[in-house]
Protein backbone atom coordinates (compact mmCIF):
# COMPACT_ATOMS: atom_id res chain seq x y z
CA UNK A 1 -7.73 -16.18 12.49
CA UNK A 2 -4.81 -18.03 11.12
CA UNK A 3 -3.69 -19.49 8.01
CA UNK A 4 -1.62 -21.92 7.65
CA UNK A 5 0.46 -22.49 4.15
CA UNK A 6 1.27 -26.27 4.45
CA UNK A 7 3.41 -27.70 1.98
CA UNK A 8 7.27 -29.13 0.02
CA UNK A 9 9.94 -26.68 0.37
CA UNK A 10 10.17 -24.39 -2.91
CA UNK A 11 6.38 -24.82 -3.46
CA UNK A 12 3.97 -22.00 -3.66
CA UNK A 13 1.14 -22.30 -1.77
CA UNK A 14 -2.49 -20.30 -2.28
CA UNK A 15 -4.89 -20.20 0.13
CA UNK A 16 -7.99 -17.16 0.03
CA UNK A 17 -9.45 -15.56 2.56
CA UNK A 18 -13.24 -14.71 2.52
CA UNK A 19 -14.42 -11.52 3.38
CA UNK A 20 -18.81 -11.40 4.22
CA UNK A 21 -19.85 -7.67 4.16
CA UNK A 22 -23.85 -7.43 5.96
CA UNK A 23 -24.19 -4.13 4.78
CA UNK A 24 -26.02 -2.02 2.59
CA UNK A 25 -22.77 -0.19 1.49
CA UNK A 26 -19.56 -0.94 -0.66
CA UNK A 27 -16.89 -1.58 1.81
CA UNK A 28 -13.20 -1.29 -0.09
CA UNK A 29 -10.14 -2.43 2.12
CA UNK A 30 -6.49 -2.22 1.62
CA UNK A 31 -4.19 -5.59 1.56
CA UNK A 32 -1.17 -5.56 3.83
CA UNK A 33 1.55 -7.60 4.46
CA UNK A 34 3.74 -6.78 7.46
CA UNK A 35 5.92 -9.35 9.64
CA UNK A 36 9.93 -10.31 9.31
CA UNK A 37 8.85 -12.75 6.66
CA UNK A 38 6.50 -10.48 4.92
CA UNK A 39 8.62 -10.63 2.28
CA UNK A 40 7.49 -14.83 1.43
CA UNK A 41 4.07 -13.73 1.18
CA UNK A 42 2.55 -11.96 -1.61
CA UNK A 43 -0.72 -10.76 -2.75
CA UNK A 44 -1.42 -11.41 -6.12
CA UNK A 45 -4.81 -9.64 -7.23
CA UNK A 46 -3.31 -6.59 -5.68
CA UNK A 47 -3.80 -5.03 -2.55
CA UNK A 48 -7.55 -3.33 -3.07
CA UNK A 49 -11.26 -5.37 -2.38
CA UNK A 50 -14.05 -4.48 -2.82
CA UNK A 51 -16.76 -5.77 -1.40
CA UNK A 52 -20.12 -5.31 -2.65
CA UNK A 53 -23.68 -5.26 -0.37
CA UNK A 54 -24.64 -8.04 1.09
CA UNK A 55 -22.10 -9.79 -0.77
CA UNK A 56 -18.94 -11.69 -0.67
CA UNK A 57 -14.97 -11.32 -1.80
CA UNK A 58 -11.61 -13.05 -1.61
CA UNK A 59 -8.14 -12.44 -1.03
CA UNK A 60 -5.62 -14.74 -2.81
CA UNK A 61 -2.60 -14.67 -0.43
CA UNK A 62 0.19 -16.36 -2.09
CA UNK A 63 3.16 -18.08 -0.43
CA UNK A 64 6.68 -18.95 -0.95
CA UNK A 65 8.73 -21.44 0.82
CA UNK A 66 12.29 -19.94 1.25
CA UNK A 67 13.77 -21.56 4.38
CA UNK A 68 13.31 -24.64 5.98
CA UNK A 69 12.07 -22.54 9.61
CA UNK A 70 7.82 -21.52 9.94
CA UNK A 71 7.56 -18.00 8.35
CA UNK A 72 5.40 -16.05 9.90
CA UNK A 73 3.70 -12.72 8.72
CA UNK A 74 0.46 -10.44 9.10
CA UNK A 75 -2.48 -9.63 6.84
CA UNK A 76 -3.62 -6.36 7.84
CA UNK A 77 -6.96 -5.22 5.41
CA UNK A 78 -7.93 -1.20 6.84
CA UNK A 79 -10.65 0.01 5.45
CA UNK A 80 -10.74 3.24 2.59
CA UNK A 81 -14.34 4.57 3.22
CA UNK A 82 -16.53 4.65 0.72
CA UNK A 83 -19.55 7.21 0.86
CA UNK A 84 -18.33 8.34 4.24
CA UNK A 85 -18.64 4.66 5.37
CA UNK A 86 -15.49 2.41 6.49
CA UNK A 87 -15.11 -1.07 7.82
CA UNK A 88 -14.05 -2.37 10.90
CA UNK A 89 -9.87 -3.22 10.28
CA UNK A 90 -9.25 -7.22 9.74
CA UNK A 91 -6.03 -9.33 11.12
CA UNK A 92 -4.97 -12.71 10.16
CA UNK A 93 -2.42 -14.61 11.37
CA UNK A 94 -0.28 -16.00 8.53
CA UNK A 95 2.12 -19.30 9.19
CA UNK A 96 3.85 -21.19 6.69
CA UNK A 97 4.14 -25.24 7.49
CA UNK A 98 6.92 -26.92 6.11
CA UNK A 99 5.32 -30.92 5.70
CA UNK A 100 8.26 -32.08 2.99
CA UNK A 101 11.14 -31.69 1.23
CA UNK A 102 11.65 -33.05 -2.70
CA UNK A 103 14.66 -33.76 -4.44
CA UNK A 104 15.47 -31.00 -7.21
CA UNK A 105 18.35 -33.73 -9.24
CA UNK A 106 20.56 -36.11 -7.80
CA UNK A 107 23.56 -36.33 -9.40
CA UNK A 108 26.48 -38.84 -9.31
CA UNK A 109 30.21 -38.63 -8.77
CA UNK A 110 32.76 -41.11 -9.32
CA UNK A 111 36.31 -39.74 -8.25
CA UNK A 112 39.22 -41.87 -6.32
CA UNK A 113 39.58 -40.71 -2.44
CA UNK A 114 42.95 -40.62 -3.30
CA UNK A 115 46.45 -40.39 -4.91
CA UNK A 116 49.65 -42.51 -4.25
């Protein structure tokens, strides 16, 4: 699954990755961001995800653009065993897309082109 972060240059975009637990045991995951541009992405709520039995949980992933080129990383969810039960390892592709650039401000300058 691919999660796309679309927004303005230098804007912060937050996306939720929803997870379901169909089993009758609690699942616990350790979330890790990997890849060349993983530093542009963050997990504001920490890297531990607990999904109750027959329940749901979501992982917030934040992206702040620093460059115009698209950034890519992977969200890796590895299971921690709880009571001998472990879930499958999950991976999500994270990709950014800059849609527009908003000026930070306008500066007007006046000066002569040359002097004699």
